[in-house]
Amino acid sequence: MFVTSTARESTSAHLPTSLVMDWEKKMRPVFDNIDLDKSGTITQAEYATFLKKSGMQYDAANVNADMDPMDADKDGKITFKEFVNFYKADYEKHHK
């Protein structure tokens, strides 16, 4: 199925229910895979490990740059809520 530019311009509120993602259900396994110590937060070290396991080149600046937009409260850790909110907002930004 192709999405027309008109469909892309509509907000998620206008999408059929079948197309609206259950964000928490979809993102939980991803988050849990990165949260190695199962603390409920992703630390910089855990995120760096995730990048390394994914075969990505990284350094401390990459880790900080990637995590900063997700870290709404700027405590240096990503909660599940912050993780979901970031990816949901990013998806909606690119699928309006």
N, C-alpha and C. Protein backbone atom coordinates (compact mmCIF):
# COMPACT_ATOMS: atom_id res chain seq x y z
N MET A 1 0.85 -1.18 0.00
CA MET A 1 0.00 0.00 0.00
C MET A 1 0.89 1.24 0.00
N PHE A 2 0.55 2.19 -0.83
CA PHE A 2 1.30 3.44 -0.91
C PHE A 2 0.58 4.51 -0.12
N VAL A 3 1.35 5.37 0.51
CA VAL A 3 0.78 6.48 1.27
C VAL A 3 0.95 7.73 0.45
N THR A 4 -0.13 8.41 0.21
CA THR A 4 -0.06 9.64 -0.56
C THR A 4 0.45 10.77 0.30
N SER A 5 0.89 11.84 -0.32
CA SER A 5 1.37 12.99 0.45
C SER A 5 0.24 13.56 1.29
N THR A 6 -1.00 13.48 0.80
CA THR A 6 -2.14 13.97 1.57
C THR A 6 -2.28 13.17 2.86
N ALA A 7 -2.13 11.85 2.75
CA ALA A 7 -2.25 11.01 3.94
C ALA A 7 -1.11 11.31 4.92
N ARG A 8 0.08 11.56 4.41
CA ARG A 8 1.20 11.88 5.28
C ARG A 8 1.00 13.18 6.02
N GLU A 9 0.26 14.10 5.44
CA GLU A 9 0.06 15.41 6.06
C GLU A 9 -0.96 15.38 7.18
N SER A 10 -1.78 14.34 7.24
CA SER A 10 -2.78 14.29 8.30
C SER A 10 -2.11 13.86 9.60
N THR A 11 -2.71 14.23 10.72
CA THR A 11 -2.13 13.89 12.02
C THR A 11 -2.54 12.48 12.41
N SER A 12 -1.90 11.93 13.42
CA SER A 12 -2.22 10.58 13.88
C SER A 12 -3.66 10.48 14.34
N ALA A 13 -4.27 11.57 14.76
CA ALA A 13 -5.66 11.55 15.18
C ALA A 13 -6.59 11.20 14.03
N HIS A 14 -6.12 11.43 12.80
CA HIS A 14 -6.93 11.15 11.63
C HIS A 14 -6.65 9.78 11.03
N LEU A 15 -5.69 9.05 11.56
CA LEU A 15 -5.36 7.74 11.03
C LEU A 15 -6.37 6.71 11.51
N PRO A 16 -6.65 5.70 10.69
CA PRO A 16 -7.52 4.62 11.15
C PRO A 16 -6.91 3.96 12.38
N THR A 17 -7.75 3.45 13.25
CA THR A 17 -7.29 2.82 14.48
C THR A 17 -6.27 1.74 14.20
N SER A 18 -6.44 1.00 13.11
CA SER A 18 -5.53 -0.09 12.80
C SER A 18 -4.12 0.39 12.48
N LEU A 19 -3.95 1.68 12.13
CA LEU A 19 -2.64 2.21 11.81
C LEU A 19 -1.95 2.90 12.98
N VAL A 20 -2.67 3.16 14.05
CA VAL A 20 -2.08 3.83 15.21
C VAL A 20 -1.35 2.79 16.04
N MET A 21 -0.05 3.03 16.26
CA MET A 21 0.76 2.05 16.99
C MET A 21 0.46 2.06 18.48
N ASP A 22 0.48 0.89 19.07
CA ASP A 22 0.46 0.79 20.52
C ASP A 22 1.91 0.96 20.96
N TRP A 23 2.29 2.21 21.19
CA TRP A 23 3.69 2.56 21.41
C TRP A 23 4.34 1.80 22.55
N GLU A 24 3.67 1.71 23.66
CA GLU A 24 4.30 1.04 24.80
C GLU A 24 4.54 -0.43 24.52
N LYS A 25 3.59 -1.08 23.89
CA LYS A 25 3.72 -2.50 23.57
C LYS A 25 4.85 -2.72 22.57
N LYS A 26 4.94 -1.87 21.57
CA LYS A 26 5.96 -2.02 20.53
C LYS A 26 7.36 -1.68 21.04
N MET A 27 7.45 -0.68 21.90
CA MET A 27 8.77 -0.19 22.32
C MET A 27 9.33 -0.92 23.54
N ARG A 28 8.51 -1.61 24.30
CA ARG A 28 8.99 -2.28 25.52
C ARG A 28 10.14 -3.25 25.23
N PRO A 29 10.03 -4.15 24.25
CA PRO A 29 11.15 -5.07 24.02
C PRO A 29 12.44 -4.36 23.60
N VAL A 30 12.32 -3.29 22.85
CA VAL A 30 13.50 -2.53 22.43
C VAL A 30 14.16 -1.91 23.65
N PHE A 31 13.36 -1.25 24.48
CA PHE A 31 13.88 -0.61 25.69
C PHE A 31 14.54 -1.65 26.60
N ASP A 32 13.84 -2.76 26.82
CA ASP A 32 14.37 -3.80 27.71
C ASP A 32 15.67 -4.39 27.19
N ASN A 33 15.84 -4.45 25.89
CA ASN A 33 17.08 -4.95 25.30
C ASN A 33 18.26 -4.02 25.58
N ILE A 34 17.99 -2.73 25.66
CA ILE A 34 19.04 -1.74 25.93
C ILE A 34 19.30 -1.60 27.43
N ASP A 35 18.26 -1.70 28.24
CA ASP A 35 18.36 -1.58 29.70
C ASP A 35 18.93 -2.87 30.30
N LEU A 36 20.24 -3.01 30.22
CA LEU A 36 20.89 -4.26 30.59
C LEU A 36 20.72 -4.66 32.05
N ASP A 37 20.72 -3.69 32.96
CA ASP A 37 20.60 -4.03 34.38
C ASP A 37 19.15 -4.07 34.86
N LYS A 38 18.23 -3.86 33.93
CA LYS A 38 16.77 -3.91 34.22
C LYS A 38 16.37 -2.96 35.33
N SER A 39 17.02 -1.79 35.36
CA SER A 39 16.74 -0.79 36.38
C SER A 39 15.53 0.08 36.03
N GLY A 40 15.10 0.01 34.77
CA GLY A 40 14.00 0.87 34.34
C GLY A 40 14.48 2.15 33.68
N THR A 41 15.81 2.29 33.58
CA THR A 41 16.39 3.44 32.88
C THR A 41 17.54 2.96 32.00
N ILE A 42 17.80 3.72 30.95
CA ILE A 42 18.94 3.46 30.09
C ILE A 42 20.02 4.48 30.43
N THR A 43 21.18 3.98 30.82
CA THR A 43 22.30 4.86 31.14
C THR A 43 23.16 5.07 29.89
N GLN A 44 24.09 5.98 29.98
CA GLN A 44 25.00 6.21 28.86
C GLN A 44 25.81 4.96 28.57
N ALA A 45 26.26 4.26 29.60
CA ALA A 45 27.03 3.03 29.40
C ALA A 45 26.20 1.97 28.70
N GLU A 46 24.94 1.83 29.08
CA GLU A 46 24.06 0.84 28.44
C GLU A 46 23.81 1.22 26.98
N TYR A 47 23.62 2.50 26.73
CA TYR A 47 23.38 2.94 25.36
C TYR A 47 24.62 2.72 24.51
N ALA A 48 25.80 2.97 25.07
CA ALA A 48 27.06 2.74 24.35
C ALA A 48 27.21 1.25 24.03
N THR A 49 26.87 0.38 24.97
CA THR A 49 26.93 -1.06 24.74
C THR A 49 25.98 -1.46 23.62
N PHE A 50 24.78 -0.90 23.63
CA PHE A 50 23.80 -1.16 22.57
C PHE A 50 24.37 -0.76 21.21
N LEU A 51 24.96 0.43 21.13
CA LEU A 51 25.53 0.88 19.86
C LEU A 51 26.64 -0.05 19.39
N LYS A 52 27.49 -0.46 20.32
CA LYS A 52 28.60 -1.35 19.98
C LYS A 52 28.07 -2.69 19.47
N LYS A 53 27.09 -3.26 20.17
CA LYS A 53 26.50 -4.54 19.76
C LYS A 53 25.80 -4.43 18.40
N SER A 54 25.31 -3.25 18.09
CA SER A 54 24.62 -3.01 16.82
C SER A 54 25.61 -2.79 15.68
N GLY A 55 26.90 -2.76 16.01
CA GLY A 55 27.93 -2.58 14.99
C GLY A 55 28.13 -1.13 14.58
N MET A 56 27.63 -0.22 15.40
CA MET A 56 27.75 1.20 15.08
C MET A 56 29.04 1.77 15.67
N GLN A 57 29.62 2.69 14.95
CA GLN A 57 30.79 3.41 15.46
C GLN A 57 30.26 4.50 16.39
N TYR A 58 30.90 4.67 17.52
CA TYR A 58 30.42 5.66 18.47
C TYR A 58 31.57 6.16 19.32
N ASP A 59 31.34 7.29 19.94
CA ASP A 59 32.22 7.80 20.98
C ASP A 59 31.32 8.50 21.99
N ALA A 60 31.90 9.03 23.03
CA ALA A 60 31.10 9.66 24.09
C ALA A 60 30.22 10.77 23.53
N ALA A 61 30.73 11.52 22.56
CA ALA A 61 29.94 12.62 21.98
C ALA A 61 28.72 12.08 21.25
N ASN A 62 28.87 10.94 20.54
CA ASN A 62 27.72 10.33 19.86
C ASN A 62 26.66 9.88 20.87
N VAL A 63 27.12 9.24 21.92
CA VAL A 63 26.19 8.76 22.95
C VAL A 63 25.43 9.93 23.55
N ASN A 64 26.14 10.98 23.91
CA ASN A 64 25.48 12.17 24.49
C ASN A 64 24.52 12.81 23.50
N ALA A 65 24.95 12.93 22.24
CA ALA A 65 24.11 13.56 21.22
C ALA A 65 22.85 12.75 20.95
N ASP A 66 22.96 11.43 20.95
CA ASP A 66 21.79 10.57 20.73
C ASP A 66 20.84 10.60 21.93
N MET A 67 21.39 10.58 23.12
CA MET A 67 20.56 10.49 24.31
C MET A 67 19.92 11.82 24.71
N ASP A 68 20.60 12.92 24.45
CA ASP A 68 20.12 14.22 24.92
C ASP A 68 18.68 14.54 24.52
N PRO A 69 18.27 14.36 23.26
CA PRO A 69 16.89 14.68 22.91
C PRO A 69 15.85 13.77 23.59
N MET A 70 16.26 12.56 23.96
CA MET A 70 15.34 11.63 24.63
C MET A 70 15.20 11.94 26.11
N ASP A 71 16.22 12.52 26.70
CA ASP A 71 16.30 12.74 28.15
C ASP A 71 15.56 14.02 28.54
N ALA A 72 14.25 13.92 28.63
CA ALA A 72 13.41 15.10 28.87
C ALA A 72 13.76 15.82 30.17
N ASP A 73 14.06 15.07 31.23
CA ASP A 73 14.36 15.72 32.51
C ASP A 73 15.85 15.99 32.72
N LYS A 74 16.66 15.67 31.73
CA LYS A 74 18.10 15.95 31.73
C LYS A 74 18.84 15.40 32.95
N ASP A 75 18.45 14.18 33.37
CA ASP A 75 19.14 13.55 34.50
C ASP A 75 20.23 12.56 34.05
N GLY A 76 20.46 12.47 32.73
CA GLY A 76 21.49 11.59 32.21
C GLY A 76 21.04 10.16 31.99
N LYS A 77 19.77 9.87 32.25
CA LYS A 77 19.21 8.54 32.05
C LYS A 77 17.91 8.66 31.28
N ILE A 78 17.57 7.61 30.54
CA ILE A 78 16.34 7.60 29.76
C ILE A 78 15.36 6.63 30.42
N THR A 79 14.21 7.15 30.83
CA THR A 79 13.16 6.29 31.38
C THR A 79 12.36 5.71 30.21
N PHE A 80 11.56 4.71 30.49
CA PHE A 80 10.73 4.12 29.45
C PHE A 80 9.77 5.16 28.88
N LYS A 81 9.19 5.97 29.74
CA LYS A 81 8.27 7.02 29.29
C LYS A 81 8.98 7.99 28.34
N GLU A 82 10.18 8.43 28.70
CA GLU A 82 10.95 9.33 27.84
C GLU A 82 11.26 8.67 26.50
N PHE A 83 11.61 7.40 26.54
CA PHE A 83 11.95 6.64 25.34
C PHE A 83 10.74 6.57 24.39
N VAL A 84 9.61 6.19 24.93
CA VAL A 84 8.38 6.08 24.13
C VAL A 84 7.97 7.45 23.60
N ASN A 85 7.96 8.45 24.46
CA ASN A 85 7.54 9.79 24.04
C ASN A 85 8.42 10.33 22.91
N PHE A 86 9.74 10.10 23.00
CA PHE A 86 10.65 10.57 21.97
C PHE A 86 10.35 9.91 20.63
N TYR A 87 10.25 8.59 20.61
CA TYR A 87 10.04 7.90 19.34
C TYR A 87 8.64 8.13 18.77
N LYS A 88 7.66 8.28 19.63
CA LYS A 88 6.30 8.59 19.16
C LYS A 88 6.29 9.97 18.51
N ALA A 89 6.89 10.95 19.18
CA ALA A 89 6.94 12.32 18.62
C ALA A 89 7.72 12.35 17.32
N ASP A 90 8.82 11.59 17.26
CA ASP A 90 9.63 11.55 16.04
C ASP A 90 8.82 10.93 14.89
N TYR A 91 8.11 9.85 15.18
CA TYR A 91 7.27 9.20 14.16
C TYR A 91 6.20 10.17 13.66
N GLU A 92 5.51 10.81 14.60
CA GLU A 92 4.43 11.73 14.20
C GLU A 92 4.96 12.92 13.43
N LYS A 93 6.15 13.38 13.77
CA LYS A 93 6.77 14.50 13.06
C LYS A 93 7.01 14.13 11.59
N HIS A 94 7.42 12.91 11.34
CA HIS A 94 7.75 12.46 9.99
C HIS A 94 6.59 11.84 9.23
N HIS A 95 5.45 11.68 9.88
CA HIS A 95 4.30 11.06 9.24
C HIS A 95 3.05 11.92 9.31
N LYS A 96 3.23 13.22 9.33
CA LYS A 96 2.08 14.14 9.35
C LYS A 96 1.48 14.23 7.97
